[in-house]
Amino acid sequence: MTDETQAGNPLHGITLKMLLDSLVAHYGWEALGQRIDIRCFTHEPSVASSLKFLRRTPWAREKVEALYLRMPRSTAE
């Protein structure tokens, strides 16, 4: 995709790791697991295992991205 097609994408330039780090910093693993009930957030969570799962599971990544977009901006940046 070109920069022109990404201009309207609010996630443009944000890596999955940056997104996940922001969510964990804001909510913590326990609250994150309550908001998105996936095993990588509720059972021995780690950034590495969560990234691996989210990269190969589109429906879970969509939920995480949606939660990130709803998160207050002051903590996301």
Protein backbone atom coordinates (compact mmCIF):
# COMPACT_ATOMS: atom_id res chain seq x y z
CA MET A 1 0.00 0.00 0.00
CA THR A 2 1.16 3.50 -0.70
CA ASP A 3 1.24 6.38 1.75
CA GLU A 4 -1.81 7.81 -0.03
CA THR A 5 -3.88 4.69 0.64
CA GLN A 6 -2.69 4.64 4.27
CA ALA A 7 -3.50 8.31 4.92
CA GLY A 8 -6.89 7.47 6.46
CA ASN A 9 -5.65 4.45 8.41
CA PRO A 10 -5.39 5.36 12.12
CA LEU A 11 -3.02 2.42 12.67
CA HIS A 12 -0.57 3.46 9.94
CA GLY A 13 2.96 3.49 11.31
CA ILE A 14 2.03 1.64 14.51
CA THR A 15 3.53 -1.83 14.84
CA LEU A 16 1.65 -4.65 16.52
CA LYS A 17 4.25 -4.63 19.29
CA MET A 18 3.77 -0.89 19.90
CA LEU A 19 0.02 -1.38 19.97
CA LEU A 20 0.24 -4.32 22.41
CA ASP A 21 2.75 -2.53 24.65
CA SER A 22 0.40 0.46 24.88
CA LEU A 23 -2.58 -1.73 25.76
CA VAL A 24 -0.65 -3.62 28.45
CA ALA A 25 0.68 -0.35 29.91
CA HIS A 26 -2.82 1.13 30.02
CA TYR A 27 -4.95 -1.86 31.08
CA GLY A 28 -2.51 -4.45 32.44
CA TRP A 29 -2.72 -8.12 31.47
CA GLU A 30 -5.65 -8.98 33.78
CA ALA A 31 -7.94 -6.19 32.54
CA LEU A 32 -6.84 -6.81 28.96
CA GLY A 33 -7.83 -10.47 29.34
CA GLN A 34 -11.22 -9.39 30.69
CA ARG A 35 -11.84 -7.11 27.74
CA ILE A 36 -10.58 -9.59 25.13
CA ASP A 37 -10.92 -13.14 26.38
CA ILE A 38 -8.11 -14.91 24.58
CA ARG A 39 -5.77 -17.36 26.24
CA CYS A 40 -2.58 -15.46 25.45
CA PHE A 41 -3.88 -12.64 27.68
CA THR A 42 -5.33 -14.77 30.49
CA HIS A 43 -2.88 -17.66 31.01
CA GLU A 44 0.78 -16.80 31.62
CA PRO A 45 0.66 -13.74 29.35
CA SER A 46 3.75 -12.35 27.68
CA VAL A 47 4.34 -9.93 24.85
CA ALA A 48 6.21 -12.56 22.82
CA SER A 49 3.49 -15.23 23.02
CA SER A 50 0.74 -12.68 22.41
CA LEU A 51 2.48 -11.28 19.33
CA LYS A 52 2.95 -14.78 17.92
CA PHE A 53 -0.76 -15.56 18.41
CA LEU A 54 -2.01 -12.21 17.10
CA ARG A 55 0.14 -12.38 13.97
CA ARG A 56 -1.44 -15.68 12.91
CA THR A 57 -5.00 -15.07 14.17
CA PRO A 58 -6.75 -12.29 12.21
CA TRP A 59 -9.96 -12.21 14.28
CA ALA A 60 -7.99 -11.73 17.52
CA ARG A 61 -5.79 -9.05 15.98
CA GLU A 62 -8.91 -7.18 14.82
CA LYS A 63 -10.26 -7.19 18.40
CA VAL A 64 -6.95 -5.90 19.77
CA GLU A 65 -6.74 -3.17 17.12
CA ALA A 66 -10.33 -2.10 17.85
CA LEU A 67 -9.62 -1.88 21.58
CA TYR A 68 -6.48 0.16 20.87
CA LEU A 69 -8.49 2.60 18.76
CA ARG A 70 -11.02 3.03 21.61
CA MET A 71 -8.29 3.56 24.21
CA PRO A 72 -7.82 7.17 25.37
CA ARG A 73 -5.23 8.83 23.14
CA SER A 74 -3.20 10.36 25.95
CA THR A 75 -1.99 6.88 26.97
CA ALA A 76 -1.68 5.48 23.45
CA GLU A 77 0.95 7.91 22.25
